[in-house]
Each structure stands twice: as structure tokens, then as C-alpha cells.
Amino acid sequence: MRFIEGPSFDPAFNLAVEEYLFRTSKEEGCFLLWRNGPSVIIGRFQNAAREVNRAFVEERGIKVVRRLSGGGAVYHDLGNLNYTFIVPNDGSPFDFAKHAAPVVKALAGLGVEAAFSGRNDLTIKGLKFSGNAQHMDSRRLLHHGTLLFDSDLSVLGQALNVDTSKFESKGFKSVRSRVTNILPHLSAPMAMEDFIAAIRDSLPQLERRPLAEAEVRAIEKLRDEKYSTWEWNWGESPDFTERKERRFSWGKVEALLTVERGIIVAAKFYGDFFSLAEPEELGRLLAGCPLRKEDLKRRLSALPLDDLFRGADEAELAEFLAT
């Protein structure tokens, strides 16, 4: 497996690295360790304007960049280490525990007992230190996650417009009381550089192969044309006549509907859900459907719903849209 340690702290560059290798790599697999300067990384399907405290991040010079994968927004700084696996797709999408297992094993080697929890989290003593997400096509799977090592958790809570429903139901009163850094749980202090080496060395048969000059040029082009643009990172919400929002067990959904005389003309979906397809596809498939629960359920039952909203049920989704 090829190993690359990120040569940059620029989040737009690093996310372009991931996409470039995902699209072009012919190796059996790639493993990346990388860090970003202060930044908010939002999920592929999220509405940036609703997820980010824009005034705070602009005042602090915190970059906002959208990634390829679904899931929720996360705060990065140099105290956070990110890891990425790019491997052949074996047909088991969104098996987060499987691809996070090497990290759990590496932490065990450092005396830290970590566990997989919920939909896509890693925890220490019930406190989250890692969120994981995936993107895939028929050929390859990209799995990546955060590792809060010594991050500034006070900024994390201010940079994001935190959805309190996500953690209050679990008994946490604030986002800071729900998360933890890894460093305090180590038996002895460790520098970030040593932590990076420990994670790297825990994986067998890695071959360090840095990015070639031609690869860097292609990645910089992708960064400039996509990951550094306002259109990709912020975009623009469409006009709509109805807005609905709900958190399900499989993720949060915000639906913006244009309805004329009781008929759905257009639909746009945002959220921290996971999907094998672009949600615009569901919007197109719902066009012309009456905004009634029975009609919606009938229409949804004919769609590959699990590919569009992983884990969703047509009855609950139809009820949500119709209410």
C-alpha cells in the first residue's frame, strides 16, 4: 500500500489530493496522513450557510472547504490528524467500523482503548474523538476520518452552528462535553510528530511514495478550479416555497421544496446523511408527485432509496415530506 504524508496544511489542496488519488490511483491501495490549518470541512450534501458560523470563521481567517464524502461538518487545526484509506471497493459500502479498525488497533498499541460508536464515530470512554465518512464508486472506496489529538476544542464549538439535537438526546449539554482529545488519555505525553509515526508504523507493508511533480501540478489545478471556489464550498440555495428539517437515526435532512397547486415542481436536499448518488437525482424523481403521504410513499417505494439516503425508510421519509 502506498503511503503519503501530506506535504501541505492547505485544506483545499489536501482534499484535492484525496480526489485526485481516488480518481487516478492504480495501486492496490493508498494510505494518507495529513493535517489542515484552521478550517471547517463540510460534508458533500450540507448547506454551508446553515452549518458554519460565518461571521466567526471570517473574523478568524478559518477556511471553509467542502469534501467529497457525506456526513457532518468538522473543525480541523494542526492538533487534529486526518487519515485516509483509498482501496478497491469490495461491495460493502458504508462499513465504517471495518475501515476504522486499523486506527482502533493503533491506539490500543499506545494504551488507549477506543471503540466504534453510533453511525460513524470513534470514542474514548464514551467521548468522541473521531468522525468518519466515505465516498465510493464502482471501482474504489475512499474512507477518511479525523483524529483529535490536541485540537483547540473551544474553537470547534464556535466555528460550527452545532445541531444540539444531535447530542442532547445522548445526555450531553454542549459539544465540548461530548468530544475529547487523544493526548490526555495517553500514559505519557507525546508530540504530534511521534503520534503520526505511531499511526503510520502500525500498518504493515506501507511503501512511502511521495507525490510526483506531475501529480502535484494536477492536484493544484483541481484545487484552484474546484476546492478553492465559492461555487463548490458555499454554493447557493435555490428558491423554494417550503422548507422541512428533521433528524433521523440515519442522518439529518433539510428539504427545500417548490410546490405549486399541491404538486412538487422541484426539490433539493441537504444534510449529514450518506449517499451513493447525488441527491439531485431524488429531486428529479419526485418532480410531478403530489405532496401527499400516500403518493410520496408510492413514488419513493419505486426508487433505489437506500442508494440515495443510506438507511432511510420510504414511510418515514414520505411522512416527513408531507407533514
C-alpha atoms as a PDB file:
ATOM      1  CA  MET A   1       0.000   0.000   0.000  1.00  0.00           C
ATOM      2  CA  ARG A   2       1.309   3.435  -0.957  1.00  0.00           C
ATOM      3  CA  PHE A   3       1.820   5.828   1.949  1.00  0.00           C
ATOM      4  CA  ILE A   4       1.716   9.606   1.582  1.00  0.00           C
ATOM      5  CA  GLU A   5       2.172  12.089   4.401  1.00  0.00           C
ATOM      6  CA  GLY A   6       0.505  15.345   3.422  1.00  0.00           C
ATOM      7  CA  PRO A   7       3.044  17.963   2.300  1.00  0.00           C
ATOM      8  CA  SER A   8       0.675  20.883   2.912  1.00  0.00           C
ATOM      9  CA  PHE A   9      -1.579  22.327   5.614  1.00  0.00           C
ATOM     10  CA  ASP A  10      -3.903  23.838   2.996  1.00  0.00           C
ATOM     11  CA  PRO A  11      -7.325  22.119   3.264  1.00  0.00           C
ATOM     12  CA  ALA A  12      -8.252  22.831  -0.362  1.00  0.00           C
ATOM     13  CA  PHE A  13      -5.020  21.199  -1.539  1.00  0.00           C
ATOM     14  CA  ASN A  14      -5.394  18.205   0.780  1.00  0.00           C
ATOM     15  CA  LEU A  15      -8.966  17.488  -0.300  1.00  0.00           C
ATOM     16  CA  ALA A  16      -7.844  17.784  -3.913  1.00  0.00           C
ATOM     17  CA  VAL A  17      -5.120  15.192  -3.143  1.00  0.00           C
ATOM     18  CA  GLU A  18      -7.796  12.780  -1.972  1.00  0.00           C
ATOM     19  CA  GLU A  19      -9.968  13.234  -5.053  1.00  0.00           C
ATOM     20  CA  TYR A  20      -7.006  13.041  -7.450  1.00  0.00           C
ATOM     21  CA  LEU A  21      -5.762   9.768  -5.960  1.00  0.00           C
ATOM     22  CA  PHE A  22      -9.295   8.378  -5.776  1.00  0.00           C
ATOM     23  CA  ARG A  23      -9.815   9.099  -9.479  1.00  0.00           C
ATOM     24  CA  THR A  24      -6.401   8.092 -10.819  1.00  0.00           C
ATOM     25  CA  SER A  25      -4.618   5.692  -8.479  1.00  0.00           C
ATOM     26  CA  LYS A  26      -3.924   2.285  -9.989  1.00  0.00           C
ATOM     27  CA  GLU A  27      -2.238   0.852  -6.915  1.00  0.00           C
ATOM     28  CA  GLU A  28      -3.812  -1.761  -4.686  1.00  0.00           C
ATOM     29  CA  GLY A  29      -4.357   0.947  -2.078  1.00  0.00           C
ATOM     30  CA  CYS A  30      -3.254   4.281  -0.639  1.00  0.00           C
ATOM     31  CA  PHE A  31      -2.939   5.407   2.962  1.00  0.00           C
ATOM     32  CA  LEU A  32      -2.656   9.116   3.725  1.00  0.00           C
ATOM     33  CA  LEU A  33      -1.942  11.044   6.913  1.00  0.00           C
ATOM     34  CA  TRP A  34      -2.482  14.784   6.659  1.00  0.00           C
ATOM     35  CA  ARG A  35      -3.262  17.904   8.650  1.00  0.00           C
ATOM     36  CA  ASN A  36      -5.051  21.137   7.887  1.00  0.00           C
ATOM     37  CA  GLY A  37      -4.611  24.602   9.242  1.00  0.00           C
ATOM     38  CA  PRO A  38      -7.684  26.057  10.994  1.00  0.00           C
ATOM     39  CA  SER A  39     -10.620  25.145   8.787  1.00  0.00           C
ATOM     40  CA  VAL A  40     -14.173  23.855   8.702  1.00  0.00           C
ATOM     41  CA  ILE A  41     -14.673  20.866   6.428  1.00  0.00           C
ATOM     42  CA  ILE A  42     -18.311  20.353   5.489  1.00  0.00           C
ATOM     43  CA  GLY A  43     -19.985  17.239   4.139  1.00  0.00           C
ATOM     44  CA  ARG A  44     -20.799  16.873   0.446  1.00  0.00           C
ATOM     45  CA  PHE A  45     -24.551  17.323   0.939  1.00  0.00           C
ATOM     46  CA  GLN A  46     -24.579  20.031   3.608  1.00  0.00           C
ATOM     47  CA  ASN A  47     -25.899  23.574   3.339  1.00  0.00           C
ATOM     48  CA  ALA A  48     -22.796  25.566   4.281  1.00  0.00           C
ATOM     49  CA  ALA A  49     -24.754  28.676   5.250  1.00  0.00           C
ATOM     50  CA  ARG A  50     -26.619  26.720   7.931  1.00  0.00           C
ATOM     51  CA  GLU A  51     -23.681  24.650   9.227  1.00  0.00           C
ATOM     52  CA  VAL A  52     -20.986  27.331   9.603  1.00  0.00           C
ATOM     53  CA  ASN A  53     -20.780  30.359  11.912  1.00  0.00           C
ATOM     54  CA  ARG A  54     -19.767  32.564   9.007  1.00  0.00           C
ATOM     55  CA  ALA A  55     -19.020  35.721  10.997  1.00  0.00           C
ATOM     56  CA  PHE A  56     -16.741  33.790  13.377  1.00  0.00           C
ATOM     57  CA  VAL A  57     -14.778  31.919  10.699  1.00  0.00           C
ATOM     58  CA  GLU A  58     -14.297  35.037   8.574  1.00  0.00           C
ATOM     59  CA  GLU A  59     -13.070  37.037  11.577  1.00  0.00           C
ATOM     60  CA  ARG A  60     -10.595  34.274  12.487  1.00  0.00           C
ATOM     61  CA  GLY A  61      -9.482  33.543   8.920  1.00  0.00           C
ATOM     62  CA  ILE A  62     -10.769  29.964   9.177  1.00  0.00           C
ATOM     63  CA  LYS A  63     -11.202  28.384   5.738  1.00  0.00           C
ATOM     64  CA  VAL A  64     -14.398  26.565   4.758  1.00  0.00           C
ATOM     65  CA  VAL A  65     -13.996  23.698   2.277  1.00  0.00           C
ATOM     66  CA  ARG A  66     -16.481  21.054   1.087  1.00  0.00           C
ATOM     67  CA  ARG A  67     -15.275  17.446   0.829  1.00  0.00           C
ATOM     68  CA  LEU A  68     -16.317  14.609  -1.482  1.00  0.00           C
ATOM     69  CA  SER A  69     -17.974  12.485   1.212  1.00  0.00           C
ATOM     70  CA  GLY A  70     -21.238  12.909   3.063  1.00  0.00           C
ATOM     71  CA  GLY A  71     -21.629  13.259   6.818  1.00  0.00           C
ATOM     72  CA  GLY A  72     -21.354  16.290   9.062  1.00  0.00           C
ATOM     73  CA  ALA A  73     -19.159  19.357   9.391  1.00  0.00           C
ATOM     74  CA  VAL A  74     -15.904  19.095  11.363  1.00  0.00           C
ATOM     75  CA  TYR A  75     -13.327  21.570  12.629  1.00  0.00           C
ATOM     76  CA  HIS A  76      -9.650  20.991  11.773  1.00  0.00           C
ATOM     77  CA  ASP A  77      -6.486  22.561  13.116  1.00  0.00           C
ATOM     78  CA  LEU A  78      -2.896  21.397  13.443  1.00  0.00           C
ATOM     79  CA  GLY A  79      -3.809  19.494  16.610  1.00  0.00           C
ATOM     80  CA  ASN A  80      -6.030  17.214  14.538  1.00  0.00           C
ATOM     81  CA  LEU A  81      -4.654  14.395  12.370  1.00  0.00           C
ATOM     82  CA  ASN A  82      -6.640  13.110   9.391  1.00  0.00           C
ATOM     83  CA  TYR A  83      -6.271   9.662   7.894  1.00  0.00           C
ATOM     84  CA  THR A  84      -7.472   8.333   4.528  1.00  0.00           C
ATOM     85  CA  PHE A  85      -7.693   4.865   3.004  1.00  0.00           C
ATOM     86  CA  ILE A  86      -8.273   4.580  -0.747  1.00  0.00           C
ATOM     87  CA  VAL A  87      -8.863   0.915  -1.539  1.00  0.00           C
ATOM     88  CA  PRO A  88     -10.714  -1.288  -4.042  1.00  0.00           C
ATOM     89  CA  ASN A  89     -14.474  -1.275  -3.457  1.00  0.00           C
ATOM     90  CA  ASP A  90     -15.359  -4.750  -2.180  1.00  0.00           C
ATOM     91  CA  GLY A  91     -19.100  -4.100  -2.350  1.00  0.00           C
ATOM     92  CA  SER A  92     -19.661  -3.332   1.345  1.00  0.00           C
ATOM     93  CA  PRO A  93     -20.453   0.406   1.317  1.00  0.00           C
ATOM     94  CA  PHE A  94     -20.560   2.458   4.489  1.00  0.00           C
ATOM     95  CA  ASP A  95     -18.954  -0.212   6.666  1.00  0.00           C
ATOM     96  CA  PHE A  96     -17.285   2.431   8.819  1.00  0.00           C
ATOM     97  CA  ALA A  97     -16.213   0.076  11.605  1.00  0.00           C
ATOM     98  CA  LYS A  98     -14.270  -2.152   9.206  1.00  0.00           C
ATOM     99  CA  HIS A  99     -12.156   0.663   7.792  1.00  0.00           C
ATOM    100  CA  ALA A 100     -11.660   2.394  11.147  1.00  0.00           C
ATOM    101  CA  ALA A 101     -10.419  -0.833  12.771  1.00  0.00           C
ATOM    102  CA  PRO A 102      -6.702  -0.216  11.953  1.00  0.00           C
ATOM    103  CA  VAL A 103      -6.881   3.094  13.840  1.00  0.00           C
ATOM    104  CA  VAL A 104      -8.509   1.437  16.849  1.00  0.00           C
ATOM    105  CA  LYS A 105      -5.734  -1.164  16.811  1.00  0.00           C
ATOM    106  CA  ALA A 106      -3.021   1.500  16.531  1.00  0.00           C
ATOM    107  CA  LEU A 107      -4.427   3.374  19.514  1.00  0.00           C
ATOM    108  CA  ALA A 108      -4.536   0.154  21.521  1.00  0.00           C
ATOM    109  CA  GLY A 109      -0.805  -0.112  20.910  1.00  0.00           C
ATOM    110  CA  LEU A 110      -0.475   3.285  22.617  1.00  0.00           C
ATOM    111  CA  GLY A 111      -2.537   2.111  25.585  1.00  0.00           C
ATOM    112  CA  VAL A 112      -5.724   3.920  24.533  1.00  0.00           C
ATOM    113  CA  GLU A 113      -8.919   1.874  24.475  1.00  0.00           C
ATOM    114  CA  ALA A 114     -11.038   3.240  21.641  1.00  0.00           C
ATOM    115  CA  ALA A 115     -14.378   1.939  20.424  1.00  0.00           C
ATOM    116  CA  PHE A 116     -16.605   2.365  17.400  1.00  0.00           C
ATOM    117  CA  SER A 117     -19.849   4.087  18.341  1.00  0.00           C
ATOM    118  CA  GLY A 118     -23.098   5.085  16.689  1.00  0.00           C
ATOM    119  CA  ARG A 119     -23.248   5.698  12.973  1.00  0.00           C
ATOM    120  CA  ASN A 120     -19.643   6.690  12.230  1.00  0.00           C
ATOM    121  CA  ASP A 121     -17.798   7.788  15.401  1.00  0.00           C
ATOM    122  CA  LEU A 122     -14.811   6.584  17.411  1.00  0.00           C
ATOM    123  CA  THR A 123     -14.889   7.226  21.142  1.00  0.00           C
ATOM    124  CA  ILE A 124     -12.740   7.023  24.266  1.00  0.00           C
ATOM    125  CA  LYS A 125     -14.747   6.439  27.452  1.00  0.00           C
ATOM    126  CA  GLY A 126     -17.870   7.485  25.585  1.00  0.00           C
ATOM    127  CA  LEU A 127     -16.370  10.737  24.304  1.00  0.00           C
ATOM    128  CA  LYS A 128     -15.971  11.297  20.564  1.00  0.00           C
ATOM    129  CA  PHE A 129     -12.501  11.912  19.131  1.00  0.00           C
ATOM    130  CA  SER A 130     -13.063  10.811  15.532  1.00  0.00           C
ATOM    131  CA  GLY A 131     -15.736  11.162  12.885  1.00  0.00           C
ATOM    132  CA  ASN A 132     -15.577   9.036   9.748  1.00  0.00           C
ATOM    133  CA  ALA A 133     -17.025   9.345   6.255  1.00  0.00           C
ATOM    134  CA  GLN A 134     -16.840   7.572   2.907  1.00  0.00           C
ATOM    135  CA  HIS A 135     -17.119   8.202  -0.811  1.00  0.00           C
ATOM    136  CA  MET A 136     -17.143   5.481  -3.442  1.00  0.00           C
ATOM    137  CA  ASP A 137     -17.804   4.473  -6.996  1.00  0.00           C
ATOM    138  CA  SER A 138     -17.992   1.020  -8.574  1.00  0.00           C
ATOM    139  CA  ARG A 139     -14.194   0.742  -8.559  1.00  0.00           C
ATOM    140  CA  ARG A 140     -12.778   2.317  -5.423  1.00  0.00           C
ATOM    141  CA  LEU A 141     -13.707   3.342  -1.899  1.00  0.00           C
ATOM    142  CA  LEU A 142     -12.364   6.333  -0.010  1.00  0.00           C
ATOM    143  CA  HIS A 143     -12.640   6.184   3.791  1.00  0.00           C
ATOM    144  CA  HIS A 144     -11.370   9.077   5.866  1.00  0.00           C
ATOM    145  CA  GLY A 145     -11.599  10.251   9.430  1.00  0.00           C
ATOM    146  CA  THR A 146     -10.429  12.807  11.944  1.00  0.00           C
ATOM    147  CA  LEU A 147      -8.252  12.084  14.981  1.00  0.00           C
ATOM    148  CA  LEU A 148      -8.493  14.829  17.595  1.00  0.00           C
ATOM    149  CA  PHE A 149      -5.062  14.634  19.177  1.00  0.00           C
ATOM    150  CA  ASP A 150      -4.510  18.056  20.752  1.00  0.00           C
ATOM    151  CA  SER A 151      -7.051  20.259  18.994  1.00  0.00           C
ATOM    152  CA  ASP A 152      -8.459  23.549  20.312  1.00  0.00           C
ATOM    153  CA  LEU A 153     -11.921  22.348  21.296  1.00  0.00           C
ATOM    154  CA  SER A 154     -13.051  25.840  22.302  1.00  0.00           C
ATOM    155  CA  VAL A 155     -12.852  26.966  18.664  1.00  0.00           C
ATOM    156  CA  LEU A 156     -14.637  23.838  17.446  1.00  0.00           C
ATOM    157  CA  GLY A 157     -17.808  24.817  19.279  1.00  0.00           C
ATOM    158  CA  GLN A 158     -17.761  28.392  17.972  1.00  0.00           C
ATOM    159  CA  ALA A 159     -16.928  27.723  14.318  1.00  0.00           C
ATOM    160  CA  LEU A 160     -19.874  25.377  13.764  1.00  0.00           C
ATOM    161  CA  ASN A 161     -23.595  26.007  14.079  1.00  0.00           C
ATOM    162  CA  VAL A 162     -23.942  22.898  16.193  1.00  0.00           C
ATOM    163  CA  ASP A 163     -27.168  20.921  15.897  1.00  0.00           C
ATOM    164  CA  THR A 164     -27.937  20.484  19.593  1.00  0.00           C
ATOM    165  CA  SER A 165     -30.467  17.719  18.886  1.00  0.00           C
ATOM    166  CA  LYS A 166     -27.574  15.527  17.800  1.00  0.00           C
ATOM    167  CA  PHE A 167     -26.046  15.257  21.266  1.00  0.00           C
ATOM    168  CA  GLU A 168     -28.599  16.468  23.839  1.00  0.00           C
ATOM    169  CA  SER A 169     -30.517  13.217  23.357  1.00  0.00           C
ATOM    170  CA  LYS A 170     -27.329  11.421  24.471  1.00  0.00           C
ATOM    171  CA  GLY A 171     -27.083  13.374  27.701  1.00  0.00           C
ATOM    172  CA  PHE A 172     -24.509  15.973  26.643  1.00  0.00           C
ATOM    173  CA  LYS A 173     -25.223  19.650  27.343  1.00  0.00           C
ATOM    174  CA  SER A 174     -22.604  21.086  24.984  1.00  0.00           C
ATOM    175  CA  VAL A 175     -20.423  20.000  22.099  1.00  0.00           C
ATOM    176  CA  ARG A 176     -17.293  20.383  24.248  1.00  0.00           C
ATOM    177  CA  SER A 177     -18.672  17.932  26.824  1.00  0.00           C
ATOM    178  CA  ARG A 178     -19.188  15.380  24.076  1.00  0.00           C
ATOM    179  CA  VAL A 179     -15.700  15.384  22.494  1.00  0.00           C
ATOM    180  CA  THR A 180     -12.182  14.708  23.718  1.00  0.00           C
ATOM    181  CA  ASN A 181      -8.594  14.835  22.541  1.00  0.00           C
ATOM    182  CA  ILE A 182      -6.480  11.689  22.485  1.00  0.00           C
ATOM    183  CA  LEU A 183      -3.462  13.258  24.223  1.00  0.00           C
ATOM    184  CA  PRO A 184      -4.929  13.340  27.783  1.00  0.00           C
ATOM    185  CA  HIS A 185      -5.652   9.604  27.572  1.00  0.00           C
ATOM    186  CA  LEU A 186      -2.058   8.591  26.784  1.00  0.00           C
ATOM    187  CA  SER A 187       0.017   7.130  29.616  1.00  0.00           C
ATOM    188  CA  ALA A 188       2.821   9.585  28.774  1.00  0.00           C
ATOM    189  CA  PRO A 189       2.922  12.851  26.778  1.00  0.00           C
ATOM    190  CA  MET A 190       3.665  12.528  23.080  1.00  0.00           C
ATOM    191  CA  ALA A 191       4.397  15.063  20.347  1.00  0.00           C
ATOM    192  CA  MET A 192       2.199  15.131  17.256  1.00  0.00           C
ATOM    193  CA  GLU A 193       5.132  14.002  15.097  1.00  0.00           C
ATOM    194  CA  ASP A 194       5.563  10.894  17.282  1.00  0.00           C
ATOM    195  CA  PHE A 195       1.823  10.212  17.139  1.00  0.00           C
ATOM    196  CA  ILE A 196       1.905  10.397  13.335  1.00  0.00           C
ATOM    197  CA  ALA A 197       4.822   7.932  13.309  1.00  0.00           C
ATOM    198  CA  ALA A 198       2.961   5.567  15.657  1.00  0.00           C
ATOM    199  CA  ILE A 199      -0.148   5.510  13.448  1.00  0.00           C
ATOM    200  CA  ARG A 200       1.964   5.064  10.300  1.00  0.00           C
ATOM    201  CA  ASP A 201       4.130   2.308  11.740  1.00  0.00           C
ATOM    202  CA  SER A 202       1.120   0.347  12.979  1.00  0.00           C
ATOM    203  CA  LEU A 203       0.178  -0.544   9.402  1.00  0.00           C
ATOM    204  CA  PRO A 204       2.253  -3.279   7.728  1.00  0.00           C
ATOM    205  CA  GLN A 205       3.750  -3.152   4.250  1.00  0.00           C
ATOM    206  CA  LEU A 206       3.482   0.556   3.640  1.00  0.00           C
ATOM    207  CA  GLU A 207       5.642   1.938   0.861  1.00  0.00           C
ATOM    208  CA  ARG A 208       6.393   5.627   1.226  1.00  0.00           C
ATOM    209  CA  ARG A 209       5.867   7.169  -2.193  1.00  0.00           C
ATOM    210  CA  PRO A 210       5.521  10.961  -2.187  1.00  0.00           C
ATOM    211  CA  LEU A 211       3.583  12.847  -4.816  1.00  0.00           C
ATOM    212  CA  ALA A 212       5.401  13.282  -8.120  1.00  0.00           C
ATOM    213  CA  GLU A 213       5.757  16.739  -9.668  1.00  0.00           C
ATOM    214  CA  ALA A 214       3.166  15.945 -12.352  1.00  0.00           C
ATOM    215  CA  GLU A 215       0.740  14.792  -9.658  1.00  0.00           C
ATOM    216  CA  VAL A 216       1.251  17.989  -7.669  1.00  0.00           C
ATOM    217  CA  ARG A 217       0.514  20.114 -10.740  1.00  0.00           C
ATOM    218  CA  ALA A 218      -2.691  18.183 -11.432  1.00  0.00           C
ATOM    219  CA  ILE A 219      -3.729  18.473  -7.781  1.00  0.00           C
ATOM    220  CA  GLU A 220      -3.066  22.223  -7.750  1.00  0.00           C
ATOM    221  CA  LYS A 221      -5.250  22.586 -10.840  1.00  0.00           C
ATOM    222  CA  LEU A 222      -8.070  20.654  -9.145  1.00  0.00           C
ATOM    223  CA  ARG A 223      -7.622  22.769  -6.006  1.00  0.00           C
ATOM    224  CA  ASP A 224      -7.834  26.024  -7.957  1.00  0.00           C
ATOM    225  CA  GLU A 225     -10.740  25.002 -10.169  1.00  0.00           C
ATOM    226  CA  LYS A 226     -12.847  23.248  -7.519  1.00  0.00           C
ATOM    227  CA  TYR A 227     -11.831  23.175  -3.862  1.00  0.00           C
ATOM    228  CA  SER A 228     -10.881  26.855  -3.640  1.00  0.00           C
ATOM    229  CA  THR A 229     -14.033  28.121  -5.336  1.00  0.00           C
ATOM    230  CA  TRP A 230     -17.055  29.747  -3.735  1.00  0.00           C
ATOM    231  CA  GLU A 231     -19.350  27.738  -6.011  1.00  0.00           C
ATOM    232  CA  TRP A 232     -18.161  24.396  -4.604  1.00  0.00           C
ATOM    233  CA  ASN A 233     -17.704  25.389  -0.977  1.00  0.00           C
ATOM    234  CA  TRP A 234     -20.712  27.635  -0.377  1.00  0.00           C
ATOM    235  CA  GLY A 235     -22.936  27.376  -3.420  1.00  0.00           C
ATOM    236  CA  GLU A 236     -26.333  28.989  -3.431  1.00  0.00           C
ATOM    237  CA  SER A 237     -29.613  27.707  -2.019  1.00  0.00           C
ATOM    238  CA  PRO A 238     -32.358  27.540  -4.637  1.00  0.00           C
ATOM    239  CA  ASP A 239     -35.671  29.369  -4.356  1.00  0.00           C
ATOM    240  CA  PHE A 240     -38.289  27.292  -2.553  1.00  0.00           C
ATOM    241  CA  THR A 241     -41.809  27.503  -1.191  1.00  0.00           C
ATOM    242  CA  GLU A 242     -41.465  25.031   1.691  1.00  0.00           C
ATOM    243  CA  ARG A 243     -38.597  24.086   3.982  1.00  0.00           C
ATOM    244  CA  LYS A 244     -38.623  20.991   6.193  1.00  0.00           C
ATOM    245  CA  GLU A 245     -35.940  19.665   8.525  1.00  0.00           C
ATOM    246  CA  ARG A 246     -35.675  16.555  10.678  1.00  0.00           C
ATOM    247  CA  ARG A 247     -33.015  14.367  12.268  1.00  0.00           C
ATOM    248  CA  PHE A 248     -33.428  10.662  11.626  1.00  0.00           C
ATOM    249  CA  SER A 249     -31.375   7.779  13.010  1.00  0.00           C
ATOM    250  CA  TRP A 250     -29.534   7.698   9.656  1.00  0.00           C
ATOM    251  CA  GLY A 251     -28.828  11.437   9.461  1.00  0.00           C
ATOM    252  CA  LYS A 252     -30.229  14.940   9.353  1.00  0.00           C
ATOM    253  CA  VAL A 253     -32.221  16.043   6.292  1.00  0.00           C
ATOM    254  CA  GLU A 254     -33.169  19.541   5.178  1.00  0.00           C
ATOM    255  CA  ALA A 255     -35.635  19.538   2.278  1.00  0.00           C
ATOM    256  CA  LEU A 256     -36.285  22.628   0.174  1.00  0.00           C
ATOM    257  CA  LEU A 257     -39.398  22.087  -1.946  1.00  0.00           C
ATOM    258  CA  THR A 258     -41.017  24.146  -4.647  1.00  0.00           C
ATOM    259  CA  VAL A 259     -44.704  23.240  -4.607  1.00  0.00           C
ATOM    260  CA  GLU A 260     -47.343  24.559  -6.980  1.00  0.00           C
ATOM    261  CA  ARG A 261     -51.031  23.651  -6.502  1.00  0.00           C
ATOM    262  CA  GLY A 262     -50.044  20.752  -4.282  1.00  0.00           C
ATOM    263  CA  ILE A 263     -47.548  19.270  -6.791  1.00  0.00           C
ATOM    264  CA  ILE A 264     -43.776  19.078  -6.217  1.00  0.00           C
ATOM    265  CA  VAL A 265     -42.114  21.018  -9.018  1.00  0.00           C
ATOM    266  CA  ALA A 266     -38.559  20.858  -7.658  1.00  0.00           C
ATOM    267  CA  ALA A 267     -36.772  19.519  -4.584  1.00  0.00           C
ATOM    268  CA  LYS A 268     -33.310  19.980  -3.103  1.00  0.00           C
ATOM    269  CA  PHE A 269     -31.912  18.010  -0.178  1.00  0.00           C
ATOM    270  CA  TYR A 270     -29.156  18.938   2.274  1.00  0.00           C
ATOM    271  CA  GLY A 271     -27.862  17.153   5.364  1.00  0.00           C
ATOM    272  CA  ASP A 272     -25.263  14.950   7.007  1.00  0.00           C
ATOM    273  CA  PHE A 273     -26.641  11.737   5.526  1.00  0.00           C
ATOM    274  CA  PHE A 274     -24.625   9.333   3.397  1.00  0.00           C
ATOM    275  CA  SER A 275     -25.490   8.581  -0.206  1.00  0.00           C
ATOM    276  CA  LEU A 276     -24.242   6.574  -3.165  1.00  0.00           C
ATOM    277  CA  ALA A 277     -25.828   9.060  -5.549  1.00  0.00           C
ATOM    278  CA  GLU A 278     -26.303  12.777  -5.882  1.00  0.00           C
ATOM    279  CA  PRO A 279     -29.461  13.850  -4.016  1.00  0.00           C
ATOM    280  CA  GLU A 280     -30.436  15.918  -7.067  1.00  0.00           C
ATOM    281  CA  GLU A 281     -31.450  12.579  -8.565  1.00  0.00           C
ATOM    282  CA  LEU A 282     -34.147  12.156  -5.911  1.00  0.00           C
ATOM    283  CA  GLY A 283     -35.310  15.721  -6.528  1.00  0.00           C
ATOM    284  CA  ARG A 284     -35.782  14.962 -10.203  1.00  0.00           C
ATOM    285  CA  LEU A 285     -37.598  11.712  -9.462  1.00  0.00           C
ATOM    286  CA  LEU A 286     -40.022  13.478  -7.113  1.00  0.00           C
ATOM    287  CA  ALA A 287     -40.947  16.144  -9.649  1.00  0.00           C
ATOM    288  CA  GLY A 288     -44.638  15.898 -10.517  1.00  0.00           C
ATOM    289  CA  CYS A 289     -45.556  13.951  -7.371  1.00  0.00           C
ATOM    290  CA  PRO A 290     -48.464  15.290  -5.271  1.00  0.00           C
ATOM    291  CA  LEU A 291     -47.356  16.410  -1.813  1.00  0.00           C
ATOM    292  CA  ARG A 292     -49.446  13.730  -0.103  1.00  0.00           C
ATOM    293  CA  LYS A 293     -48.072  10.970   2.101  1.00  0.00           C
ATOM    294  CA  GLU A 294     -49.684   8.127   0.146  1.00  0.00           C
ATOM    295  CA  ASP A 295     -48.428   9.419  -3.209  1.00  0.00           C
ATOM    296  CA  LEU A 296     -44.967  10.120  -1.846  1.00  0.00           C
ATOM    297  CA  LYS A 297     -44.697   6.669  -0.295  1.00  0.00           C
ATOM    298  CA  ARG A 298     -45.734   5.082  -3.593  1.00  0.00           C
ATOM    299  CA  ARG A 299     -43.192   7.123  -5.532  1.00  0.00           C
ATOM    300  CA  LEU A 300     -40.391   6.512  -3.028  1.00  0.00           C
ATOM    301  CA  SER A 301     -41.028   2.762  -2.890  1.00  0.00           C
ATOM    302  CA  ALA A 302     -40.215   2.565  -6.614  1.00  0.00           C
ATOM    303  CA  LEU A 303     -36.825   4.275  -6.157  1.00  0.00           C
ATOM    304  CA  PRO A 304     -33.428   2.871  -5.040  1.00  0.00           C
ATOM    305  CA  LEU A 305     -33.951   4.796  -1.813  1.00  0.00           C
ATOM    306  CA  ASP A 306     -31.121   3.168   0.115  1.00  0.00           C
ATOM    307  CA  ASP A 307     -28.678   4.355  -2.518  1.00  0.00           C
ATOM    308  CA  LEU A 308     -29.960   7.925  -2.146  1.00  0.00           C
ATOM    309  CA  PHE A 309     -30.342   8.069   1.645  1.00  0.00           C
ATOM    310  CA  ARG A 310     -28.485   5.195   3.282  1.00  0.00           C
ATOM    311  CA  GLY A 311     -30.697   3.627   5.955  1.00  0.00           C
ATOM    312  CA  ALA A 312     -33.878   5.552   5.109  1.00  0.00           C
ATOM    313  CA  ASP A 313     -37.372   4.084   5.054  1.00  0.00           C
ATOM    314  CA  GLU A 314     -39.907   5.308   2.494  1.00  0.00           C
ATOM    315  CA  ALA A 315     -42.718   5.518   5.055  1.00  0.00           C
ATOM    316  CA  GLU A 316     -40.828   7.823   7.434  1.00  0.00           C
ATOM    317  CA  LEU A 317     -39.437   9.914   4.589  1.00  0.00           C
ATOM    318  CA  ALA A 318     -42.875  10.278   2.980  1.00  0.00           C
ATOM    319  CA  GLU A 319     -44.382  11.326   6.316  1.00  0.00           C
ATOM    320  CA  PHE A 320     -41.601  13.874   6.829  1.00  0.00           C
ATOM    321  CA  LEU A 321     -42.068  15.455   3.415  1.00  0.00           C
ATOM    322  CA  ALA A 322     -45.869  15.518   3.619  1.00  0.00           C
ATOM    323  CA  THR A 323     -46.141  16.949   7.135  1.00  0.00           C
END
